[in-house]
Amino acid sequence: MSYAPIIIFVYNRADHFIQTYNALAACKEARESDLFIFSDGAKNESGKVKVDEVRAAVNTIKNSGDFKSVTVTESSVNKGLAASVISGVTEVINKYGKAIVVEDDCKVSPFFLNFINKSLDYYKDNKKIGSIAGYTPMIDLPSNCKHDVFAAYRSCSCTWSTWADRWQNIDWELKYIKDFYKSPGLIKKLNSNGSDRFIRLYRQTKGNGSSWSVRFGAHLVKNDLITVYPRYSYITNIGCDESGVHSKTDDAEKMRVDLSKAIENPVLTDVEIDKQIQKIMKKHYSYGFISEIKKFIATALIVIKERLR
């Protein structure tokens, strides 16, 4: 097995980073893995203290020997998460051909790196696969689903991996958005695992949002690529405490999983989209019938308006 480089993006939560780092270091594959840490700059002078706390924590571990190597990049300015992820992943993946990305508030299972690296090797030549997820929500899969992995159109943003040929040529400026306006099928596919996806994508084009993940997910959908998910999650989120930009306490219950179920040696198989699983995923990532109706109407109005332009 070849080991992909690991990337952690950090900002101003030292306590979360330390937990994330320690859990990653507990994976036996860590000693064979190169770790890259990208530290974003503070937004203002008052935020510099917490950024400095994170950088101090990073400096205490970079020579620990927990990983094959540790490379730290500190930005002197605040890029924001989206710009940091896009530039950081591009830099590493262009050099190594693949990469594993972990957010700084994710506690991983000791079996996480085994699953991700094994999946990167197994699916690398399957051009239907766009990415590998490390996180799976606590959902009840259909009784006829017996495999250790399944597929979905929704990409994962908190722990994931991909290859250079899937990451390259992404249109981060969303020049292809008109293809979605013209194709109800594309919108349906994008929203098949959550009715929020198209509206969030549209907001990006209007400067109301800065999400690399919704753009990456739309790129995969547009190119008919799917994401492989583990049956049982290899990470649990520890950041839903209002400490981050997207870390509402209301999401804590949805993000919490039981890591004891993570499979030590998963059996990988070819995956296809299962309509039952898509419906279960969509229900999890949506907020009830009324919310679904509102988003459906909002989406229809957006499409009509943009077609009339």
C-alpha atoms as a PDB file:
ATOM      1  CA  MET A   1       0.000   0.000   0.000  1.00  0.00           C
ATOM      2  CA  SER A   2       1.246   3.491  -0.852  1.00  0.00           C
ATOM      3  CA  TYR A   3       0.555   6.242   1.659  1.00  0.00           C
ATOM      4  CA  ALA A   4      -0.989   9.525   0.568  1.00  0.00           C
ATOM      5  CA  PRO A   5       0.085  12.827   2.126  1.00  0.00           C
ATOM      6  CA  ILE A   6      -2.246  14.185   4.790  1.00  0.00           C
ATOM      7  CA  ILE A   7      -3.334  17.834   4.916  1.00  0.00           C
ATOM      8  CA  ILE A   8      -4.768  19.669   7.926  1.00  0.00           C
ATOM      9  CA  PHE A   9      -6.038  23.232   7.606  1.00  0.00           C
ATOM     10  CA  VAL A  10      -5.892  25.137  10.900  1.00  0.00           C
ATOM     11  CA  TYR A  11      -6.994  28.576  11.976  1.00  0.00           C
ATOM     12  CA  ASN A  12      -7.795  29.590  15.561  1.00  0.00           C
ATOM     13  CA  ARG A  13      -8.843  26.507  17.545  1.00  0.00           C
ATOM     14  CA  ALA A  14      -5.767  25.067  19.224  1.00  0.00           C
ATOM     15  CA  ASP A  15      -7.677  22.656  21.462  1.00  0.00           C
ATOM     16  CA  HIS A  16      -9.506  21.126  18.503  1.00  0.00           C
ATOM     17  CA  PHE A  17      -6.315  20.843  16.468  1.00  0.00           C
ATOM     18  CA  ILE A  18      -4.491  19.021  19.276  1.00  0.00           C
ATOM     19  CA  GLN A  19      -7.281  16.436  19.540  1.00  0.00           C
ATOM     20  CA  THR A  20      -7.353  16.014  15.765  1.00  0.00           C
ATOM     21  CA  TYR A  21      -3.582  15.648  15.582  1.00  0.00           C
ATOM     22  CA  ASN A  22      -3.358  13.141  18.439  1.00  0.00           C
ATOM     23  CA  ALA A  23      -6.052  10.947  16.907  1.00  0.00           C
ATOM     24  CA  LEU A  24      -4.310  10.978  13.520  1.00  0.00           C
ATOM     25  CA  ALA A  25      -0.972  10.185  15.135  1.00  0.00           C
ATOM     26  CA  ALA A  26      -2.554   7.137  16.780  1.00  0.00           C
ATOM     27  CA  CYS A  27      -3.089   5.554  13.346  1.00  0.00           C
ATOM     28  CA  LYS A  28      -0.263   3.091  12.726  1.00  0.00           C
ATOM     29  CA  GLU A  29       0.098   4.377   9.154  1.00  0.00           C
ATOM     30  CA  ALA A  30       0.991   7.867  10.434  1.00  0.00           C
ATOM     31  CA  ARG A  31       4.696   6.961  10.698  1.00  0.00           C
ATOM     32  CA  GLU A  32       4.741   6.302   6.948  1.00  0.00           C
ATOM     33  CA  SER A  33       2.763   9.426   6.030  1.00  0.00           C
ATOM     34  CA  ASP A  34       3.853  12.977   5.204  1.00  0.00           C
ATOM     35  CA  LEU A  35       1.787  15.601   7.028  1.00  0.00           C
ATOM     36  CA  PHE A  36       1.178  19.109   5.698  1.00  0.00           C
ATOM     37  CA  ILE A  37      -0.313  21.765   7.972  1.00  0.00           C
ATOM     38  CA  PHE A  38      -1.599  25.026   6.489  1.00  0.00           C
ATOM     39  CA  SER A  39      -2.151  27.770   9.056  1.00  0.00           C
ATOM     40  CA  ASP A  40      -4.307  30.700   7.933  1.00  0.00           C
ATOM     41  CA  GLY A  41      -3.562  34.242   9.117  1.00  0.00           C
ATOM     42  CA  ALA A  42      -5.749  36.242  11.497  1.00  0.00           C
ATOM     43  CA  LYS A  43      -8.594  38.370  10.142  1.00  0.00           C
ATOM     44  CA  ASN A  44      -7.646  41.241  12.423  1.00  0.00           C
ATOM     45  CA  GLU A  45      -5.310  42.151  15.278  1.00  0.00           C
ATOM     46  CA  SER A  46      -7.724  40.908  17.945  1.00  0.00           C
ATOM     47  CA  GLY A  47      -7.811  37.469  16.348  1.00  0.00           C
ATOM     48  CA  LYS A  48      -4.032  37.128  16.252  1.00  0.00           C
ATOM     49  CA  VAL A  49      -3.814  35.707  19.789  1.00  0.00           C
ATOM     50  CA  LYS A  50      -5.767  32.563  18.963  1.00  0.00           C
ATOM     51  CA  VAL A  51      -3.929  32.095  15.670  1.00  0.00           C
ATOM     52  CA  ASP A  52      -0.638  32.341  17.562  1.00  0.00           C
ATOM     53  CA  GLU A  53      -1.910  29.721  20.049  1.00  0.00           C
ATOM     54  CA  VAL A  54      -2.540  27.317  17.173  1.00  0.00           C
ATOM     55  CA  ARG A  55       0.877  27.969  15.671  1.00  0.00           C
ATOM     56  CA  ALA A  56       2.535  27.397  19.036  1.00  0.00           C
ATOM     57  CA  ALA A  57       0.712  24.045  19.290  1.00  0.00           C
ATOM     58  CA  VAL A  58       1.826  23.145  15.767  1.00  0.00           C
ATOM     59  CA  ASN A  59       5.446  23.989  16.567  1.00  0.00           C
ATOM     60  CA  THR A  60       5.440  21.688  19.601  1.00  0.00           C
ATOM     61  CA  ILE A  61       4.518  18.646  17.520  1.00  0.00           C
ATOM     62  CA  LYS A  62       6.260  19.167  14.196  1.00  0.00           C
ATOM     63  CA  ASN A  63       9.450  17.440  15.378  1.00  0.00           C
ATOM     64  CA  SER A  64       7.694  14.738  17.413  1.00  0.00           C
ATOM     65  CA  GLY A  65       8.395  11.927  14.957  1.00  0.00           C
ATOM     66  CA  ASP A  66       4.719  10.944  14.874  1.00  0.00           C
ATOM     67  CA  PHE A  67       4.721  11.285  11.076  1.00  0.00           C
ATOM     68  CA  LYS A  68       7.265  10.604   8.358  1.00  0.00           C
ATOM     69  CA  SER A  69       7.604  14.355   7.925  1.00  0.00           C
ATOM     70  CA  VAL A  70       5.726  17.489   8.947  1.00  0.00           C
ATOM     71  CA  THR A  71       5.647  20.556   6.709  1.00  0.00           C
ATOM     72  CA  VAL A  72       4.076  23.742   8.073  1.00  0.00           C
ATOM     73  CA  THR A  73       2.972  26.700   5.942  1.00  0.00           C
ATOM     74  CA  GLU A  74       1.937  29.866   7.773  1.00  0.00           C
ATOM     75  CA  SER A  75       0.039  32.539   5.861  1.00  0.00           C
ATOM     76  CA  SER A  76       0.771  36.146   6.792  1.00  0.00           C
ATOM     77  CA  VAL A  77      -2.734  37.153   5.683  1.00  0.00           C
ATOM     78  CA  ASN A  78      -6.199  35.719   6.144  1.00  0.00           C
ATOM     79  CA  LYS A  79      -7.095  33.782   3.014  1.00  0.00           C
ATOM     80  CA  GLY A  80     -10.296  32.242   4.345  1.00  0.00           C
ATOM     81  CA  LEU A  81     -11.035  28.526   4.376  1.00  0.00           C
ATOM     82  CA  ALA A  82     -12.064  28.169   0.736  1.00  0.00           C
ATOM     83  CA  ALA A  83      -8.971  29.858  -0.700  1.00  0.00           C
ATOM     84  CA  SER A  84      -6.728  28.019   1.774  1.00  0.00           C
ATOM     85  CA  VAL A  85      -8.163  24.615   0.822  1.00  0.00           C
ATOM     86  CA  ILE A  86      -8.074  25.231  -2.919  1.00  0.00           C
ATOM     87  CA  SER A  87      -4.474  26.479  -2.946  1.00  0.00           C
ATOM     88  CA  GLY A  88      -3.183  24.034  -0.310  1.00  0.00           C
ATOM     89  CA  VAL A  89      -4.714  20.907  -1.812  1.00  0.00           C
ATOM     90  CA  THR A  90      -3.612  21.945  -5.298  1.00  0.00           C
ATOM     91  CA  GLU A  91      -0.025  22.426  -4.140  1.00  0.00           C
ATOM     92  CA  VAL A  92       0.200  19.033  -2.424  1.00  0.00           C
ATOM     93  CA  ILE A  93      -1.848  16.963  -4.852  1.00  0.00           C
ATOM     94  CA  ASN A  94       0.092  18.214  -7.884  1.00  0.00           C
ATOM     95  CA  LYS A  95       3.275  16.928  -6.267  1.00  0.00           C
ATOM     96  CA  TYR A  96       2.018  13.615  -4.883  1.00  0.00           C
ATOM     97  CA  GLY A  97      -0.874  12.735  -7.209  1.00  0.00           C
ATOM     98  CA  LYS A  98      -3.309  12.228  -4.337  1.00  0.00           C
ATOM     99  CA  ALA A  99      -4.091  13.681  -0.932  1.00  0.00           C
ATOM    100  CA  ILE A 100      -6.044  13.105   2.277  1.00  0.00           C
ATOM    101  CA  VAL A 101      -7.695  16.165   3.807  1.00  0.00           C
ATOM    102  CA  VAL A 102      -8.752  16.413   7.449  1.00  0.00           C
ATOM    103  CA  GLU A 103     -10.493  19.394   9.037  1.00  0.00           C
ATOM    104  CA  ASP A 104      -9.059  20.602  12.332  1.00  0.00           C
ATOM    105  CA  ASP A 105     -12.100  19.525  14.354  1.00  0.00           C
ATOM    106  CA  CYS A 106     -12.311  15.863  13.386  1.00  0.00           C
ATOM    107  CA  LYS A 107     -11.342  13.034  15.709  1.00  0.00           C
ATOM    108  CA  VAL A 108     -10.465  10.013  13.591  1.00  0.00           C
ATOM    109  CA  SER A 109     -10.631   6.303  14.291  1.00  0.00           C
ATOM    110  CA  PRO A 110      -7.293   4.418  14.554  1.00  0.00           C
ATOM    111  CA  PHE A 111      -8.414   2.653  11.363  1.00  0.00           C
ATOM    112  CA  PHE A 112      -9.010   5.861   9.381  1.00  0.00           C
ATOM    113  CA  LEU A 113      -5.724   6.021   7.465  1.00  0.00           C
ATOM    114  CA  ASN A 114      -5.932   2.329   6.594  1.00  0.00           C
ATOM    115  CA  PHE A 115      -9.382   2.784   5.049  1.00  0.00           C
ATOM    116  CA  ILE A 116      -8.519   5.945   3.128  1.00  0.00           C
ATOM    117  CA  ASN A 117      -5.200   4.716   1.742  1.00  0.00           C
ATOM    118  CA  LYS A 118      -6.657   1.327   0.878  1.00  0.00           C
ATOM    119  CA  SER A 119      -9.531   3.044  -0.950  1.00  0.00           C
ATOM    120  CA  LEU A 120      -7.223   5.409  -2.837  1.00  0.00           C
ATOM    121  CA  ASP A 121      -5.279   2.403  -4.142  1.00  0.00           C
ATOM    122  CA  TYR A 122      -8.369   0.311  -4.901  1.00  0.00           C
ATOM    123  CA  TYR A 123     -10.401   2.961  -6.747  1.00  0.00           C
ATOM    124  CA  LYS A 124      -7.651   4.996  -8.432  1.00  0.00           C
ATOM    125  CA  ASP A 125      -8.307   3.510 -11.891  1.00  0.00           C
ATOM    126  CA  ASN A 126     -12.087   3.583 -11.544  1.00  0.00           C
ATOM    127  CA  LYS A 127     -12.879   6.868 -13.257  1.00  0.00           C
ATOM    128  CA  LYS A 128     -16.449   6.824 -11.918  1.00  0.00           C
ATOM    129  CA  ILE A 129     -15.090   7.572  -8.434  1.00  0.00           C
ATOM    130  CA  GLY A 130     -14.403  11.238  -7.725  1.00  0.00           C
ATOM    131  CA  SER A 131     -13.517  11.131  -4.041  1.00  0.00           C
ATOM    132  CA  ILE A 132     -13.401   9.027  -0.879  1.00  0.00           C
ATOM    133  CA  ALA A 133     -15.228  10.117   2.275  1.00  0.00           C
ATOM    134  CA  GLY A 134     -13.985   9.401   5.780  1.00  0.00           C
ATOM    135  CA  TYR A 135     -17.170  10.546   7.483  1.00  0.00           C
ATOM    136  CA  THR A 136     -20.568   8.885   7.284  1.00  0.00           C
ATOM    137  CA  PRO A 137     -23.537  10.197   9.291  1.00  0.00           C
ATOM    138  CA  MET A 138     -25.436   7.924  11.662  1.00  0.00           C
ATOM    139  CA  ILE A 139     -27.963   6.633   9.161  1.00  0.00           C
ATOM    140  CA  ASP A 140     -29.717   3.287   8.924  1.00  0.00           C
ATOM    141  CA  LEU A 141     -28.829   1.741   5.585  1.00  0.00           C
ATOM    142  CA  PRO A 142     -31.306  -0.604   3.861  1.00  0.00           C
ATOM    143  CA  SER A 143     -31.327  -4.171   5.161  1.00  0.00           C
ATOM    144  CA  ASN A 144     -30.153  -5.462   1.787  1.00  0.00           C
ATOM    145  CA  CYS A 145     -26.987  -3.336   1.984  1.00  0.00           C
ATOM    146  CA  LYS A 146     -24.329  -5.748   3.210  1.00  0.00           C
ATOM    147  CA  HIS A 147     -21.138  -4.118   1.932  1.00  0.00           C
ATOM    148  CA  ASP A 148     -18.554  -2.110   3.883  1.00  0.00           C
ATOM    149  CA  VAL A 149     -18.850   0.813   1.440  1.00  0.00           C
ATOM    150  CA  PHE A 150     -21.548   2.554  -0.574  1.00  0.00           C
ATOM    151  CA  ALA A 151     -21.767   5.409  -3.100  1.00  0.00           C
ATOM    152  CA  ALA A 152     -23.403   8.822  -3.051  1.00  0.00           C
ATOM    153  CA  TYR A 153     -23.520  11.928  -5.226  1.00  0.00           C
ATOM    154  CA  ARG A 154     -22.839  14.153  -2.199  1.00  0.00           C
ATOM    155  CA  SER A 155     -19.149  14.723  -1.563  1.00  0.00           C
ATOM    156  CA  CYS A 156     -17.772  14.928   1.978  1.00  0.00           C
ATOM    157  CA  SER A 157     -16.029  18.063   3.244  1.00  0.00           C
ATOM    158  CA  CYS A 158     -14.734  17.220   6.737  1.00  0.00           C
ATOM    159  CA  THR A 159     -12.457  14.241   5.951  1.00  0.00           C
ATOM    160  CA  TRP A 160     -11.942  13.156   2.392  1.00  0.00           C
ATOM    161  CA  SER A 161      -9.419  12.255  -0.257  1.00  0.00           C
ATOM    162  CA  THR A 162      -9.046  12.373  -4.011  1.00  0.00           C
ATOM    163  CA  TRP A 163      -6.561  12.107  -6.854  1.00  0.00           C
ATOM    164  CA  ALA A 164      -4.888  14.796  -8.945  1.00  0.00           C
ATOM    165  CA  ASP A 165      -6.751  13.920 -12.139  1.00  0.00           C
ATOM    166  CA  ARG A 166     -10.110  14.394 -10.360  1.00  0.00           C
ATOM    167  CA  TRP A 167      -9.032  17.649  -8.684  1.00  0.00           C
ATOM    168  CA  GLN A 168      -7.443  19.316 -11.680  1.00  0.00           C
ATOM    169  CA  ASN A 169      -9.513  21.380 -14.115  1.00  0.00           C
ATOM    170  CA  ILE A 170     -12.185  22.291 -11.546  1.00  0.00           C
ATOM    171  CA  ASP A 171     -13.920  25.518 -12.547  1.00  0.00           C
ATOM    172  CA  TRP A 172     -13.729  27.349  -9.215  1.00  0.00           C
ATOM    173  CA  GLU A 173     -15.260  30.454 -10.837  1.00  0.00           C
ATOM    174  CA  LEU A 174     -18.411  28.453 -11.728  1.00  0.00           C
ATOM    175  CA  LYS A 175     -18.504  29.412 -15.377  1.00  0.00           C
ATOM    176  CA  TYR A 176     -20.419  26.166 -15.952  1.00  0.00           C
ATOM    177  CA  ILE A 177     -23.337  27.199 -13.705  1.00  0.00           C
ATOM    178  CA  LYS A 178     -25.485  27.818 -16.806  1.00  0.00           C
ATOM    179  CA  ASP A 179     -25.400  24.079 -17.478  1.00  0.00           C
ATOM    180  CA  PHE A 180     -27.354  23.576 -14.256  1.00  0.00           C
ATOM    181  CA  TYR A 181     -29.939  26.213 -15.222  1.00  0.00           C
ATOM    182  CA  LYS A 182     -30.525  24.354 -18.491  1.00  0.00           C
ATOM    183  CA  SER A 183     -30.694  20.874 -16.971  1.00  0.00           C
ATOM    184  CA  PRO A 184     -33.264  19.897 -14.317  1.00  0.00           C
ATOM    185  CA  GLY A 185     -31.555  16.499 -14.265  1.00  0.00           C
ATOM    186  CA  LEU A 186     -28.268  18.010 -13.090  1.00  0.00           C
ATOM    187  CA  ILE A 187     -30.015  19.953 -10.331  1.00  0.00           C
ATOM    188  CA  LYS A 188     -31.921  16.853  -9.244  1.00  0.00           C
ATOM    189  CA  LYS A 189     -28.679  14.869  -9.084  1.00  0.00           C
ATOM    190  CA  LEU A 190     -26.910  17.638  -7.150  1.00  0.00           C
ATOM    191  CA  ASN A 191     -29.781  17.766  -4.661  1.00  0.00           C
ATOM    192  CA  SER A 192     -30.229  14.001  -4.450  1.00  0.00           C
ATOM    193  CA  ASN A 193     -28.445  13.870  -1.078  1.00  0.00           C
ATOM    194  CA  GLY A 194     -29.646  17.189   0.335  1.00  0.00           C
ATOM    195  CA  SER A 195     -31.929  19.926  -0.970  1.00  0.00           C
ATOM    196  CA  ASP A 196     -29.464  22.637   0.079  1.00  0.00           C
ATOM    197  CA  ARG A 197     -26.830  21.949  -2.553  1.00  0.00           C
ATOM    198  CA  PHE A 198     -28.047  23.838  -5.626  1.00  0.00           C
ATOM    199  CA  ILE A 199     -29.102  26.931  -3.677  1.00  0.00           C
ATOM    200  CA  ARG A 200     -25.697  27.059  -1.966  1.00  0.00           C
ATOM    201  CA  LEU A 201     -24.023  26.692  -5.350  1.00  0.00           C
ATOM    202  CA  TYR A 202     -26.116  29.528  -6.782  1.00  0.00           C
ATOM    203  CA  ARG A 203     -25.257  31.789  -3.849  1.00  0.00           C
ATOM    204  CA  GLN A 204     -21.583  31.316  -4.690  1.00  0.00           C
ATOM    205  CA  THR A 205     -22.137  32.961  -8.071  1.00  0.00           C
ATOM    206  CA  LYS A 206     -23.678  35.988  -6.356  1.00  0.00           C
ATOM    207  CA  GLY A 207     -20.835  36.447  -3.917  1.00  0.00           C
ATOM    208  CA  ASN A 208     -22.961  35.226  -1.020  1.00  0.00           C
ATOM    209  CA  GLY A 209     -20.881  32.335   0.271  1.00  0.00           C
ATOM    210  CA  SER A 210     -17.362  30.996   0.176  1.00  0.00           C
ATOM    211  CA  SER A 211     -17.540  27.219   0.048  1.00  0.00           C
ATOM    212  CA  TRP A 212     -14.911  25.198  -1.788  1.00  0.00           C
ATOM    213  CA  SER A 213     -16.861  21.994  -0.993  1.00  0.00           C
ATOM    214  CA  VAL A 214     -20.100  22.869  -2.753  1.00  0.00           C
ATOM    215  CA  ARG A 215     -18.077  23.813  -5.843  1.00  0.00           C
ATOM    216  CA  PHE A 216     -16.096  20.578  -5.690  1.00  0.00           C
ATOM    217  CA  GLY A 217     -19.302  18.605  -5.209  1.00  0.00           C
ATOM    218  CA  ALA A 218     -20.962  20.294  -8.168  1.00  0.00           C
ATOM    219  CA  HIS A 219     -17.898  19.563 -10.303  1.00  0.00           C
ATOM    220  CA  LEU A 220     -18.180  15.864  -9.449  1.00  0.00           C
ATOM    221  CA  VAL A 221     -21.910  15.782 -10.216  1.00  0.00           C
ATOM    222  CA  LYS A 222     -21.496  17.627 -13.507  1.00  0.00           C
ATOM    223  CA  ASN A 223     -18.884  15.057 -14.550  1.00  0.00           C
ATOM    224  CA  ASP A 224     -21.015  12.145 -13.278  1.00  0.00           C
ATOM    225  CA  LEU A 225     -18.517  11.199 -10.574  1.00  0.00           C
ATOM    226  CA  ILE A 226     -19.551   9.643  -7.266  1.00  0.00           C
ATOM    227  CA  THR A 227     -18.095   9.549  -3.748  1.00  0.00           C
ATOM    228  CA  VAL A 228     -17.335   6.328  -1.871  1.00  0.00           C
ATOM    229  CA  TYR A 229     -18.505   6.300   1.750  1.00  0.00           C
ATOM    230  CA  PRO A 230     -17.648   3.813   4.497  1.00  0.00           C
ATOM    231  CA  ARG A 231     -20.620   1.957   5.975  1.00  0.00           C
ATOM    232  CA  TYR A 232     -19.543   3.155   9.410  1.00  0.00           C
ATOM    233  CA  SER A 233     -17.800   6.488   9.920  1.00  0.00           C
ATOM    234  CA  TYR A 234     -14.080   6.749  10.605  1.00  0.00           C
ATOM    235  CA  ILE A 235     -14.405  10.212  12.117  1.00  0.00           C
ATOM    236  CA  THR A 236     -16.570  12.085  14.579  1.00  0.00           C
ATOM    237  CA  ASN A 237     -16.875  15.862  14.653  1.00  0.00           C
ATOM    238  CA  ILE A 238     -15.701  17.661  17.795  1.00  0.00           C
ATOM    239  CA  GLY A 239     -16.239  21.208  16.570  1.00  0.00           C
ATOM    240  CA  CYS A 240     -19.991  21.814  16.726  1.00  0.00           C
ATOM    241  CA  ASP A 241     -19.653  24.257  19.628  1.00  0.00           C
ATOM    242  CA  GLU A 242     -19.923  27.671  17.911  1.00  0.00           C
ATOM    243  CA  SER A 243     -16.103  27.884  17.831  1.00  0.00           C
ATOM    244  CA  GLY A 244     -15.844  27.793  14.034  1.00  0.00           C
ATOM    245  CA  VAL A 245     -17.475  29.381  11.008  1.00  0.00           C
ATOM    246  CA  HIS A 246     -19.639  26.327  10.286  1.00  0.00           C
ATOM    247  CA  SER A 247     -19.860  24.821  13.777  1.00  0.00           C
ATOM    248  CA  LYS A 248     -23.361  25.381  15.128  1.00  0.00           C
ATOM    249  CA  THR A 249     -24.338  23.517  18.275  1.00  0.00           C
ATOM    250  CA  ASP A 250     -27.611  22.579  16.540  1.00  0.00           C
ATOM    251  CA  ASP A 251     -25.546  20.360  14.232  1.00  0.00           C
ATOM    252  CA  ALA A 252     -23.774  18.498  17.041  1.00  0.00           C
ATOM    253  CA  GLU A 253     -26.286  15.667  17.234  1.00  0.00           C
ATOM    254  CA  LYS A 254     -26.320  15.190  13.474  1.00  0.00           C
ATOM    255  CA  MET A 255     -22.524  15.088  13.274  1.00  0.00           C
ATOM    256  CA  ARG A 256     -21.949  12.788  16.250  1.00  0.00           C
ATOM    257  CA  VAL A 257     -21.139   9.162  15.420  1.00  0.00           C
ATOM    258  CA  ASP A 258     -20.004   6.041  17.258  1.00  0.00           C
ATOM    259  CA  LEU A 259     -16.404   5.380  16.249  1.00  0.00           C
ATOM    260  CA  SER A 260     -16.470   1.946  17.880  1.00  0.00           C
ATOM    261  CA  LYS A 261     -18.330   0.674  14.810  1.00  0.00           C
ATOM    262  CA  ALA A 262     -15.506   1.635  12.421  1.00  0.00           C
ATOM    263  CA  ILE A 263     -14.314  -1.450  10.538  1.00  0.00           C
ATOM    264  CA  GLU A 264     -10.638  -2.287  11.023  1.00  0.00           C
ATOM    265  CA  ASN A 265     -10.145  -4.120   7.717  1.00  0.00           C
ATOM    266  CA  PRO A 266     -12.955  -3.112   5.347  1.00  0.00           C
ATOM    267  CA  VAL A 267     -13.685  -5.160   2.249  1.00  0.00           C
ATOM    268  CA  LEU A 268     -13.784  -2.828  -0.746  1.00  0.00           C
ATOM    269  CA  THR A 269     -16.071  -3.534  -3.676  1.00  0.00           C
ATOM    270  CA  ASP A 270     -17.206  -1.750  -6.826  1.00  0.00           C
ATOM    271  CA  VAL A 271     -20.013   0.640  -5.952  1.00  0.00           C
ATOM    272  CA  GLU A 272     -23.040   1.999  -7.765  1.00  0.00           C
ATOM    273  CA  ILE A 273     -25.686   4.538  -6.828  1.00  0.00           C
ATOM    274  CA  ASP A 274     -28.493   2.960  -4.799  1.00  0.00           C
ATOM    275  CA  LYS A 275     -31.744   4.962  -4.882  1.00  0.00           C
ATOM    276  CA  GLN A 276     -32.771   3.840  -1.400  1.00  0.00           C
ATOM    277  CA  ILE A 277     -29.522   5.051   0.103  1.00  0.00           C
ATOM    278  CA  GLN A 278     -29.792   8.368  -1.760  1.00  0.00           C
ATOM    279  CA  LYS A 279     -33.217   8.971  -0.205  1.00  0.00           C
ATOM    280  CA  ILE A 280     -31.887   8.173   3.268  1.00  0.00           C
ATOM    281  CA  MET A 281     -28.944  10.539   2.781  1.00  0.00           C
ATOM    282  CA  LYS A 282     -31.233  13.278   1.475  1.00  0.00           C
ATOM    283  CA  LYS A 283     -33.541  12.953   4.466  1.00  0.00           C
ATOM    284  CA  HIS A 284     -30.574  13.256   6.819  1.00  0.00           C
ATOM    285  CA  TYR A 285     -29.193  16.374   5.149  1.00  0.00           C
ATOM    286  CA  SER A 286     -32.566  18.071   4.703  1.00  0.00           C
ATOM    287  CA  TYR A 287     -34.773  19.661   7.322  1.00  0.00           C
ATOM    288  CA  GLY A 288     -38.240  18.270   6.888  1.00  0.00           C
ATOM    289  CA  PHE A 289     -41.046  18.499   4.369  1.00  0.00           C
ATOM    290  CA  ILE A 290     -41.738  22.238   4.726  1.00  0.00           C
ATOM    291  CA  SER A 291     -38.071  23.058   4.209  1.00  0.00           C
ATOM    292  CA  GLU A 292     -38.004  20.776   1.155  1.00  0.00           C
ATOM    293  CA  ILE A 293     -40.976  22.582  -0.392  1.00  0.00           C
ATOM    294  CA  LYS A 294     -39.451  26.006   0.257  1.00  0.00           C
ATOM    295  CA  LYS A 295     -36.159  24.998  -1.324  1.00  0.00           C
ATOM    296  CA  PHE A 296     -37.946  23.426  -4.302  1.00  0.00           C
ATOM    297  CA  ILE A 297     -39.846  26.674  -4.945  1.00  0.00           C
ATOM    298  CA  ALA A 298     -36.704  28.782  -4.448  1.00  0.00           C
ATOM    299  CA  THR A 299     -34.794  26.583  -6.886  1.00  0.00           C
ATOM    300  CA  ALA A 300     -37.552  26.814  -9.504  1.00  0.00           C
ATOM    301  CA  LEU A 301     -37.631  30.609  -9.226  1.00  0.00           C
ATOM    302  CA  ILE A 302     -33.842  30.820  -9.580  1.00  0.00           C
ATOM    303  CA  VAL A 303     -33.894  28.681 -12.721  1.00  0.00           C
ATOM    304  CA  ILE A 304     -36.725  30.688 -14.287  1.00  0.00           C
ATOM    305  CA  LYS A 305     -34.999  33.997 -13.528  1.00  0.00           C
ATOM    306  CA  GLU A 306     -31.650  32.871 -14.905  1.00  0.00           C
ATOM    307  CA  ARG A 307     -33.184  31.373 -18.043  1.00  0.00           C
ATOM    308  CA  LEU A 308     -34.876  34.687 -18.772  1.00  0.00           C
ATOM    309  CA  ARG A 309     -31.624  36.624 -18.564  1.00  0.00           C
END
